Amino acid sequence: MFTGENSGTWNGGNIDYYGPNWLHQRRLARKRDQFTCQDCGSTEKDYGKELSVHHIIPFRKFNGDWENANVLNNLICLCEYPCHRKRHSNMVDV
């Protein structure tokens, strides 16, 4: 009922590929943020799994320019729930 296009957080579908440097940049962001959610302070150890790495300016805004989308200052580590979901539900068109 509230999934896909019916969801308040729907933004045109999922992006499955963030470019060839994504895994490397993701690792660097997690290390830089000391494996800690930057919103609530949970660590990966507390959380029990790897944290999500979130694009502050959404990836889709870069129109496929993965090099600029994946710069470290556009990435932040967040626990998936609730922090990453909150970021997406509070997003406005940037």
PDB file of N, CA and C in Angstrom:
ATOM      1  N   MET A   1       0.812  -1.190   0.000  1.00  0.00           N
ATOM      2  CA  MET A   1       0.000   0.000   0.000  1.00  0.00           C
ATOM      3  C   MET A   1       0.867   1.270   0.000  1.00  0.00           C
ATOM      4  N   PHE A   2       1.924   1.299   0.832  1.00  0.00           N
ATOM      5  CA  PHE A   2       2.785   2.477   0.909  1.00  0.00           C
ATOM      6  C   PHE A   2       4.188   2.144   0.417  1.00  0.00           C
ATOM      7  N   THR A   3       4.267   1.363  -0.647  1.00  0.00           N
ATOM      8  CA  THR A   3       5.559   1.031  -1.225  1.00  0.00           C
ATOM      9  C   THR A   3       5.621   1.570  -2.645  1.00  0.00           C
ATOM     10  N   GLY A   4       6.819   1.615  -3.186  1.00  0.00           N
ATOM     11  CA  GLY A   4       6.980   2.096  -4.551  1.00  0.00           C
ATOM     12  C   GLY A   4       6.429   3.501  -4.721  1.00  0.00           C
ATOM     13  N   GLU A   5       5.675   3.712  -5.774  1.00  0.00           N
ATOM     14  CA  GLU A   5       5.147   5.044  -6.075  1.00  0.00           C
ATOM     15  C   GLU A   5       4.165   5.553  -5.026  1.00  0.00           C
ATOM     16  N   ASN A   6       3.624   4.661  -4.197  1.00  0.00           N
ATOM     17  CA  ASN A   6       2.687   5.060  -3.144  1.00  0.00           C
ATOM     18  C   ASN A   6       3.388   5.514  -1.865  1.00  0.00           C
ATOM     19  N   SER A   7       4.689   5.346  -1.809  1.00  0.00           N
ATOM     20  CA  SER A   7       5.461   5.717  -0.630  1.00  0.00           C
ATOM     21  C   SER A   7       5.763   7.211  -0.642  1.00  0.00           C
ATOM     22  N   GLY A   8       5.742   7.815   0.529  1.00  0.00           N
ATOM     23  CA  GLY A   8       6.106   9.221   0.652  1.00  0.00           C
ATOM     24  C   GLY A   8       7.556   9.494   0.341  1.00  0.00           C
ATOM     25  N   THR A   9       8.387   8.444   0.350  1.00  0.00           N
ATOM     26  CA  THR A   9       9.810   8.618   0.065  1.00  0.00           C
ATOM     27  C   THR A   9      10.163   8.229  -1.370  1.00  0.00           C
ATOM     28  N   TRP A  10       9.174   7.880  -2.184  1.00  0.00           N
ATOM     29  CA  TRP A  10       9.427   7.472  -3.569  1.00  0.00           C
ATOM     30  C   TRP A  10      10.116   8.601  -4.322  1.00  0.00           C
ATOM     31  N   ASN A  11      11.175   8.236  -5.017  1.00  0.00           N
ATOM     32  CA  ASN A  11      11.921   9.249  -5.754  1.00  0.00           C
ATOM     33  C   ASN A  11      12.337   8.709  -7.121  1.00  0.00           C
ATOM     34  N   GLY A  12      11.452   7.903  -7.720  1.00  0.00           N
ATOM     35  CA  GLY A  12      11.730   7.451  -9.076  1.00  0.00           C
ATOM     36  C   GLY A  12      12.407   6.104  -9.193  1.00  0.00           C
ATOM     37  N   GLY A  13      12.429   5.305  -8.175  1.00  0.00           N
ATOM     38  CA  GLY A  13      13.005   3.968  -8.280  1.00  0.00           C
ATOM     39  C   GLY A  13      14.389   3.867  -7.698  1.00  0.00           C
ATOM     40  N   ASN A  14      14.856   2.638  -7.629  1.00  0.00           N
ATOM     41  CA  ASN A  14      16.164   2.354  -7.036  1.00  0.00           C
ATOM     42  C   ASN A  14      17.280   2.548  -8.043  1.00  0.00           C
ATOM     43  N   ILE A  15      18.427   2.906  -7.538  1.00  0.00           N
ATOM     44  CA  ILE A  15      19.644   2.950  -8.341  1.00  0.00           C
ATOM     45  C   ILE A  15      20.498   1.794  -7.849  1.00  0.00           C
ATOM     46  N   ASP A  16      20.848   0.907  -8.765  1.00  0.00           N
ATOM     47  CA  ASP A  16      21.589  -0.294  -8.372  1.00  0.00           C
ATOM     48  C   ASP A  16      23.096  -0.157  -8.548  1.00  0.00           C
ATOM     49  N   TYR A  17      23.549   0.834  -9.292  1.00  0.00           N
ATOM     50  CA  TYR A  17      24.972   0.966  -9.582  1.00  0.00           C
ATOM     51  C   TYR A  17      25.399   2.407  -9.351  1.00  0.00           C
ATOM     52  N   TYR A  18      26.358   2.592  -8.442  1.00  0.00           N
ATOM     53  CA  TYR A  18      26.843   3.930  -8.098  1.00  0.00           C
ATOM     54  C   TYR A  18      28.219   4.234  -8.689  1.00  0.00           C
ATOM     55  N   GLY A  19      28.624   3.498  -9.700  1.00  0.00           N
ATOM     56  CA  GLY A  19      29.893   3.756 -10.370  1.00  0.00           C
ATOM     57  C   GLY A  19      31.001   2.835  -9.907  1.00  0.00           C
ATOM     58  N   PRO A  20      32.084   2.781 -10.686  1.00  0.00           N
ATOM     59  CA  PRO A  20      33.170   1.849 -10.391  1.00  0.00           C
ATOM     60  C   PRO A  20      33.956   2.175  -9.122  1.00  0.00           C
ATOM     61  N   ASN A  21      33.856   3.394  -8.614  1.00  0.00           N
ATOM     62  CA  ASN A  21      34.598   3.744  -7.398  1.00  0.00           C
ATOM     63  C   ASN A  21      33.756   3.610  -6.135  1.00  0.00           C
ATOM     64  N   TRP A  22      32.498   3.182  -6.242  1.00  0.00           N
ATOM     65  CA  TRP A  22      31.582   3.184  -5.111  1.00  0.00           C
ATOM     66  C   TRP A  22      32.085   2.368  -3.925  1.00  0.00           C
ATOM     67  N   LEU A  23      32.486   1.133  -4.146  1.00  0.00           N
ATOM     68  CA  LEU A  23      32.897   0.301  -3.008  1.00  0.00           C
ATOM     69  C   LEU A  23      34.110   0.896  -2.289  1.00  0.00           C
ATOM     70  N   HIS A  24      35.040   1.443  -3.053  1.00  0.00           N
ATOM     71  CA  HIS A  24      36.220   2.077  -2.446  1.00  0.00           C
ATOM     72  C   HIS A  24      35.813   3.312  -1.637  1.00  0.00           C
ATOM     73  N   GLN A  25      34.990   4.171  -2.220  1.00  0.00           N
ATOM     74  CA  GLN A  25      34.547   5.385  -1.527  1.00  0.00           C
ATOM     75  C   GLN A  25      33.715   5.033  -0.297  1.00  0.00           C
ATOM     76  N   ARG A  26      32.915   4.001  -0.407  1.00  0.00           N
ATOM     77  CA  ARG A  26      32.095   3.556   0.717  1.00  0.00           C
ATOM     78  C   ARG A  26      32.988   3.129   1.887  1.00  0.00           C
ATOM     79  N   ARG A  27      34.031   2.350   1.573  1.00  0.00           N
ATOM     80  CA  ARG A  27      34.977   1.931   2.627  1.00  0.00           C
ATOM     81  C   ARG A  27      35.660   3.141   3.256  1.00  0.00           C
ATOM     82  N   LEU A  28      36.086   4.097   2.426  1.00  0.00           N
ATOM     83  CA  LEU A  28      36.752   5.295   2.948  1.00  0.00           C
ATOM     84  C   LEU A  28      35.820   6.104   3.848  1.00  0.00           C
ATOM     85  N   ALA A  29      34.556   6.224   3.463  1.00  0.00           N
ATOM     86  CA  ALA A  29      33.590   6.978   4.275  1.00  0.00           C
ATOM     87  C   ALA A  29      33.362   6.294   5.617  1.00  0.00           C
ATOM     88  N   ARG A  30      33.237   4.973   5.608  1.00  0.00           N
ATOM     89  CA  ARG A  30      33.025   4.247   6.866  1.00  0.00           C
ATOM     90  C   ARG A  30      34.230   4.424   7.787  1.00  0.00           C
ATOM     91  N   LYS A  31      35.427   4.337   7.217  1.00  0.00           N
ATOM     92  CA  LYS A  31      36.645   4.515   8.019  1.00  0.00           C
ATOM     93  C   LYS A  31      36.732   5.947   8.553  1.00  0.00           C
ATOM     94  N   ARG A  32      36.500   6.931   7.678  1.00  0.00           N
ATOM     95  CA  ARG A  32      36.546   8.344   8.086  1.00  0.00           C
ATOM     96  C   ARG A  32      35.581   8.614   9.237  1.00  0.00           C
ATOM     97  N   ASP A  33      34.383   8.039   9.156  1.00  0.00           N
ATOM     98  CA  ASP A  33      33.366   8.253  10.186  1.00  0.00           C
ATOM     99  C   ASP A  33      33.520   7.293  11.363  1.00  0.00           C
ATOM    100  N   GLN A  34      34.637   6.602  11.403  1.00  0.00           N
ATOM    101  CA  GLN A  34      34.994   5.695  12.492  1.00  0.00           C
ATOM    102  C   GLN A  34      33.913   4.639  12.734  1.00  0.00           C
ATOM    103  N   PHE A  35      33.305   4.167  11.615  1.00  0.00           N
ATOM    104  CA  PHE A  35      32.313   3.080  11.667  1.00  0.00           C
ATOM    105  C   PHE A  35      31.180   3.415  12.631  1.00  0.00           C
ATOM    106  N   THR A  36      30.810   4.716  12.634  1.00  0.00           N
ATOM    107  CA  THR A  36      29.813   5.233  13.571  1.00  0.00           C
ATOM    108  C   THR A  36      28.752   6.030  12.815  1.00  0.00           C
ATOM    109  N   CYS A  37      27.490   5.794  13.158  1.00  0.00           N
ATOM    110  CA  CYS A  37      26.393   6.561  12.571  1.00  0.00           C
ATOM    111  C   CYS A  37      26.570   8.022  12.966  1.00  0.00           C
ATOM    112  N   GLN A  38      26.572   8.892  11.981  1.00  0.00           N
ATOM    113  CA  GLN A  38      26.812  10.306  12.225  1.00  0.00           C
ATOM    114  C   GLN A  38      25.586  11.037  12.762  1.00  0.00           C
ATOM    115  N   ASP A  39      24.436  10.367  12.813  1.00  0.00           N
ATOM    116  CA  ASP A  39      23.244  10.985  13.398  1.00  0.00           C
ATOM    117  C   ASP A  39      23.007  10.535  14.835  1.00  0.00           C
ATOM    118  N   CYS A  40      23.067   9.230  15.100  1.00  0.00           N
ATOM    119  CA  CYS A  40      22.714   8.761  16.447  1.00  0.00           C
ATOM    120  C   CYS A  40      23.904   8.267  17.261  1.00  0.00           C
ATOM    121  N   GLY A  41      25.071   8.060  16.609  1.00  0.00           N
ATOM    122  CA  GLY A  41      26.256   7.635  17.334  1.00  0.00           C
ATOM    123  C   GLY A  41      26.433   6.130  17.482  1.00  0.00           C
ATOM    124  N   SER A  42      25.513   5.324  16.937  1.00  0.00           N
ATOM    125  CA  SER A  42      25.678   3.863  16.990  1.00  0.00           C
ATOM    126  C   SER A  42      26.893   3.450  16.185  1.00  0.00           C
ATOM    127  N   THR A  43      27.642   2.505  16.723  1.00  0.00           N
ATOM    128  CA  THR A  43      28.776   1.963  15.977  1.00  0.00           C
ATOM    129  C   THR A  43      28.326   0.707  15.240  1.00  0.00           C
ATOM    130  N   GLU A  44      29.141   0.286  14.283  1.00  0.00           N
ATOM    131  CA  GLU A  44      28.818  -0.959  13.580  1.00  0.00           C
ATOM    132  C   GLU A  44      28.781  -2.125  14.553  1.00  0.00           C
ATOM    133  N   LYS A  45      29.633  -2.089  15.558  1.00  0.00           N
ATOM    134  CA  LYS A  45      29.639  -3.155  16.563  1.00  0.00           C
ATOM    135  C   LYS A  45      28.305  -3.171  17.309  1.00  0.00           C
ATOM    136  N   ASP A  46      27.830  -1.989  17.735  1.00  0.00           N
ATOM    137  CA  ASP A  46      26.536  -1.893  18.419  1.00  0.00           C
ATOM    138  C   ASP A  46      25.403  -2.339  17.506  1.00  0.00           C
ATOM    139  N   TYR A  47      25.464  -1.903  16.258  1.00  0.00           N
ATOM    140  CA  TYR A  47      24.403  -2.122  15.288  1.00  0.00           C
ATOM    141  C   TYR A  47      24.341  -3.574  14.805  1.00  0.00           C
ATOM    142  N   GLY A  48      25.492  -4.241  14.837  1.00  0.00           N
ATOM    143  CA  GLY A  48      25.537  -5.648  14.448  1.00  0.00           C
ATOM    144  C   GLY A  48      25.756  -5.902  12.976  1.00  0.00           C
ATOM    145  N   LYS A  49      25.957  -4.854  12.203  1.00  0.00           N
ATOM    146  CA  LYS A  49      26.267  -5.010  10.780  1.00  0.00           C
ATOM    147  C   LYS A  49      26.832  -3.692  10.254  1.00  0.00           C
ATOM    148  N   GLU A  50      27.271  -3.714   8.997  1.00  0.00           N
ATOM    149  CA  GLU A  50      27.835  -2.507   8.407  1.00  0.00           C
ATOM    150  C   GLU A  50      26.788  -1.413   8.313  1.00  0.00           C
ATOM    151  N   LEU A  51      27.231  -0.198   8.529  1.00  0.00           N
ATOM    152  CA  LEU A  51      26.351   0.952   8.384  1.00  0.00           C
ATOM    153  C   LEU A  51      26.145   1.268   6.905  1.00  0.00           C
ATOM    154  N   SER A  52      25.066   1.957   6.610  1.00  0.00           N
ATOM    155  CA  SER A  52      24.804   2.439   5.260  1.00  0.00           C
ATOM    156  C   SER A  52      25.672   3.663   5.006  1.00  0.00           C
ATOM    157  N   VAL A  53      25.994   3.885   3.749  1.00  0.00           N
ATOM    158  CA  VAL A  53      26.671   5.111   3.360  1.00  0.00           C
ATOM    159  C   VAL A  53      25.692   5.868   2.469  1.00  0.00           C
ATOM    160  N   HIS A  54      25.348   7.055   2.904  1.00  0.00           N
ATOM    161  CA  HIS A  54      24.294   7.872   2.303  1.00  0.00           C
ATOM    162  C   HIS A  54      24.894   9.012   1.488  1.00  0.00           C
ATOM    163  N   HIS A  55      24.324   9.258   0.308  1.00  0.00           N
ATOM    164  CA  HIS A  55      24.696  10.434  -0.485  1.00  0.00           C
ATOM    165  C   HIS A  55      23.931  11.632   0.070  1.00  0.00           C
ATOM    166  N   ILE A  56      24.626  12.625   0.554  1.00  0.00           N
ATOM    167  CA  ILE A  56      24.000  13.827   1.116  1.00  0.00           C
ATOM    168  C   ILE A  56      23.200  14.552   0.018  1.00  0.00           C
ATOM    169  N   ILE A  57      23.848  14.831  -1.091  1.00  0.00           N
ATOM    170  CA  ILE A  57      23.118  15.263  -2.281  1.00  0.00           C
ATOM    171  C   ILE A  57      22.836  13.979  -3.051  1.00  0.00           C
ATOM    172  N   PRO A  58      21.578  13.678  -3.318  1.00  0.00           N
ATOM    173  CA  PRO A  58      21.229  12.386  -3.917  1.00  0.00           C
ATOM    174  C   PRO A  58      21.993  12.090  -5.207  1.00  0.00           C
ATOM    175  N   PHE A  59      22.376  10.834  -5.351  1.00  0.00           N
ATOM    176  CA  PHE A  59      23.124  10.370  -6.511  1.00  0.00           C
ATOM    177  C   PHE A  59      22.430  10.766  -7.814  1.00  0.00           C
ATOM    178  N   ARG A  60      21.106  10.638  -7.860  1.00  0.00           N
ATOM    179  CA  ARG A  60      20.374  10.910  -9.106  1.00  0.00           C
ATOM    180  C   ARG A  60      20.491  12.368  -9.531  1.00  0.00           C
ATOM    181  N   LYS A  61      20.814  13.264  -8.616  1.00  0.00           N
ATOM    182  CA  LYS A  61      20.974  14.678  -8.961  1.00  0.00           C
ATOM    183  C   LYS A  61      22.220  14.925  -9.816  1.00  0.00           C
ATOM    184  N   PHE A  62      23.121  13.951  -9.847  1.00  0.00           N
ATOM    185  CA  PHE A  62      24.370  14.099 -10.588  1.00  0.00           C
ATOM    186  C   PHE A  62      24.270  13.572 -12.024  1.00  0.00           C
ATOM    187  N   ASN A  63      23.087  13.084 -12.407  1.00  0.00           N
ATOM    188  CA  ASN A  63      22.844  12.615 -13.781  1.00  0.00           C
ATOM    189  C   ASN A  63      23.926  11.659 -14.285  1.00  0.00           C
ATOM    190  N   GLY A  64      24.271  10.686 -13.444  1.00  0.00           N
ATOM    191  CA  GLY A  64      25.242   9.672 -13.850  1.00  0.00           C
ATOM    192  C   GLY A  64      26.694  10.062 -13.631  1.00  0.00           C
ATOM    193  N   ASP A  65      26.957  11.262 -13.141  1.00  0.00           N
ATOM    194  CA  ASP A  65      28.333  11.704 -12.876  1.00  0.00           C
ATOM    195  C   ASP A  65      28.786  11.128 -11.542  1.00  0.00           C
ATOM    196  N   TRP A  66      29.122   9.848 -11.561  1.00  0.00           N
ATOM    197  CA  TRP A  66      29.460   9.131 -10.330  1.00  0.00           C
ATOM    198  C   TRP A  66      30.714   9.676  -9.657  1.00  0.00           C
ATOM    199  N   GLU A  67      31.643  10.231 -10.422  1.00  0.00           N
ATOM    200  CA  GLU A  67      32.864  10.758  -9.804  1.00  0.00           C
ATOM    201  C   GLU A  67      32.544  11.877  -8.825  1.00  0.00           C
ATOM    202  N   ASN A  68      31.678  12.792  -9.207  1.00  0.00           N
ATOM    203  CA  ASN A  68      31.306  13.892  -8.318  1.00  0.00           C
ATOM    204  C   ASN A  68      30.293  13.466  -7.271  1.00  0.00           C
ATOM    205  N   ALA A  69      29.414  12.549  -7.613  1.00  0.00           N
ATOM    206  CA  ALA A  69      28.416  12.072  -6.647  1.00  0.00           C
ATOM    207  C   ALA A  69      29.078  11.354  -5.475  1.00  0.00           C
ATOM    208  N   ASN A  70      30.164  10.645  -5.749  1.00  0.00           N
ATOM    209  CA  ASN A  70      30.791   9.799  -4.736  1.00  0.00           C
ATOM    210  C   ASN A  70      31.987  10.426  -4.039  1.00  0.00           C
ATOM    211  N   VAL A  71      32.147  11.738  -4.127  1.00  0.00           N
ATOM    212  CA  VAL A  71      33.239  12.375  -3.373  1.00  0.00           C
ATOM    213  C   VAL A  71      32.947  12.222  -1.877  1.00  0.00           C
ATOM    214  N   LEU A  72      33.982  12.116  -1.088  1.00  0.00           N
ATOM    215  CA  LEU A  72      33.801  11.849   0.348  1.00  0.00           C
ATOM    216  C   LEU A  72      32.957  12.892   1.059  1.00  0.00           C
ATOM    217  N   ASN A  73      33.065  14.149   0.663  1.00  0.00           N
ATOM    218  CA  ASN A  73      32.280  15.162   1.379  1.00  0.00           C
ATOM    219  C   ASN A  73      30.788  15.106   1.025  1.00  0.00           C
ATOM    220  N   ASN A  74      30.407  14.206   0.109  1.00  0.00           N
ATOM    221  CA  ASN A  74      28.992  13.985  -0.185  1.00  0.00           C
ATOM    222  C   ASN A  74      28.487  12.670   0.416  1.00  0.00           C
ATOM    223  N   LEU A  75      29.314  12.007   1.187  1.00  0.00           N
ATOM    224  CA  LEU A  75      28.946  10.713   1.770  1.00  0.00           C
ATOM    225  C   LEU A  75      28.962  10.795   3.284  1.00  0.00           C
ATOM    226  N   ILE A  76      28.021  10.088   3.904  1.00  0.00           N
ATOM    227  CA  ILE A  76      27.929  10.068   5.363  1.00  0.00           C
ATOM    228  C   ILE A  76      27.457   8.683   5.802  1.00  0.00           C
ATOM    229  N   CYS A  77      28.017   8.189   6.900  1.00  0.00           N
ATOM    230  CA  CYS A  77      27.636   6.886   7.436  1.00  0.00           C
ATOM    231  C   CYS A  77      26.431   7.026   8.353  1.00  0.00           C
ATOM    232  N   LEU A  78      25.447   6.158   8.131  1.00  0.00           N
ATOM    233  CA  LEU A  78      24.226   6.167   8.928  1.00  0.00           C
ATOM    234  C   LEU A  78      23.781   4.740   9.195  1.00  0.00           C
ATOM    235  N   CYS A  79      23.171   4.510  10.363  1.00  0.00           N
ATOM    236  CA  CYS A  79      22.514   3.222  10.565  1.00  0.00           C
ATOM    237  C   CYS A  79      21.289   3.218   9.653  1.00  0.00           C
ATOM    238  N   GLU A  80      20.925   2.046   9.152  1.00  0.00           N
ATOM    239  CA  GLU A  80      19.808   1.990   8.201  1.00  0.00           C
ATOM    240  C   GLU A  80      18.498   2.417   8.851  1.00  0.00           C
ATOM    241  N   TYR A  81      18.291   1.902  10.068  1.00  0.00           N
ATOM    242  CA  TYR A  81      17.058   2.245  10.787  1.00  0.00           C
ATOM    243  C   TYR A  81      17.419   2.651  12.197  1.00  0.00           C
ATOM    244  N   PRO A  82      17.024   3.825  12.579  1.00  0.00           N
ATOM    245  CA  PRO A  82      16.100   4.727  11.893  1.00  0.00           C
ATOM    246  C   PRO A  82      16.766   5.833  11.072  1.00  0.00           C
ATOM    247  N   CYS A  83      18.051   6.059  11.238  1.00  0.00           N
ATOM    248  CA  CYS A  83      18.667   7.297  10.729  1.00  0.00           C
ATOM    249  C   CYS A  83      18.646   7.438   9.209  1.00  0.00           C
ATOM    250  N   HIS A  84      19.046   6.393   8.475  1.00  0.00           N
ATOM    251  CA  HIS A  84      19.064   6.490   7.021  1.00  0.00           C
ATOM    252  C   HIS A  84      17.645   6.671   6.487  1.00  0.00           C
ATOM    253  N   ARG A  85      16.703   5.950   7.040  1.00  0.00           N
ATOM    254  CA  ARG A  85      15.308   6.088   6.606  1.00  0.00           C
ATOM    255  C   ARG A  85      14.772   7.479   6.910  1.00  0.00           C
ATOM    256  N   LYS A  86      15.158   8.033   8.061  1.00  0.00           N
ATOM    257  CA  LYS A  86      14.726   9.395   8.392  1.00  0.00           C
ATOM    258  C   LYS A  86      15.271  10.391   7.377  1.00  0.00           C
ATOM    259  N   ARG A  87      16.543  10.233   7.007  1.00  0.00           N
ATOM    260  CA  ARG A  87      17.151  11.146   6.027  1.00  0.00           C
ATOM    261  C   ARG A  87      16.369  11.114   4.724  1.00  0.00           C
ATOM    262  N   HIS A  88      15.984   9.910   4.286  1.00  0.00           N
ATOM    263  CA  HIS A  88      15.250   9.811   3.020  1.00  0.00           C
ATOM    264  C   HIS A  88      13.817  10.327   3.165  1.00  0.00           C
ATOM    265  N   SER A  89      13.197  10.103   4.280  1.00  0.00           N
ATOM    266  CA  SER A  89      11.805  10.558   4.433  1.00  0.00           C
ATOM    267  C   SER A  89      11.727  12.076   4.603  1.00  0.00           C
ATOM    268  N   ASN A  90      12.814  12.697   5.034  1.00  0.00           N
ATOM    269  CA  ASN A  90      12.833  14.163   5.206  1.00  0.00           C
ATOM    270  C   ASN A  90      13.424  14.892   4.015  1.00  0.00           C
ATOM    271  N   MET A  91      13.769  14.139   2.969  1.00  0.00           N
ATOM    272  CA  MET A  91      14.411  14.763   1.826  1.00  0.00           C
ATOM    273  C   MET A  91      13.426  15.645   1.074  1.00  0.00           C
ATOM    274  N   VAL A  92      13.949  16.769   0.673  1.00  0.00           N
ATOM    275  CA  VAL A  92      13.221  17.649  -0.228  1.00  0.00           C
ATOM    276  C   VAL A  92      14.065  17.745  -1.489  1.00  0.00           C
ATOM    277  N   ASP A  93      13.496  18.229  -2.545  1.00  0.00           N
ATOM    278  CA  ASP A  93      14.225  18.344  -3.791  1.00  0.00           C
ATOM    279  C   ASP A  93      15.408  19.281  -3.607  1.00  0.00           C
ATOM    280  N   VAL A  94      16.615  18.759  -3.763  1.00  0.00           N
ATOM    281  CA  VAL A  94      17.838  19.547  -3.568  1.00  0.00           C
ATOM    282  C   VAL A  94      18.166  20.298  -4.833  1.00  0.00           C
TER     283      VAL A  94
END
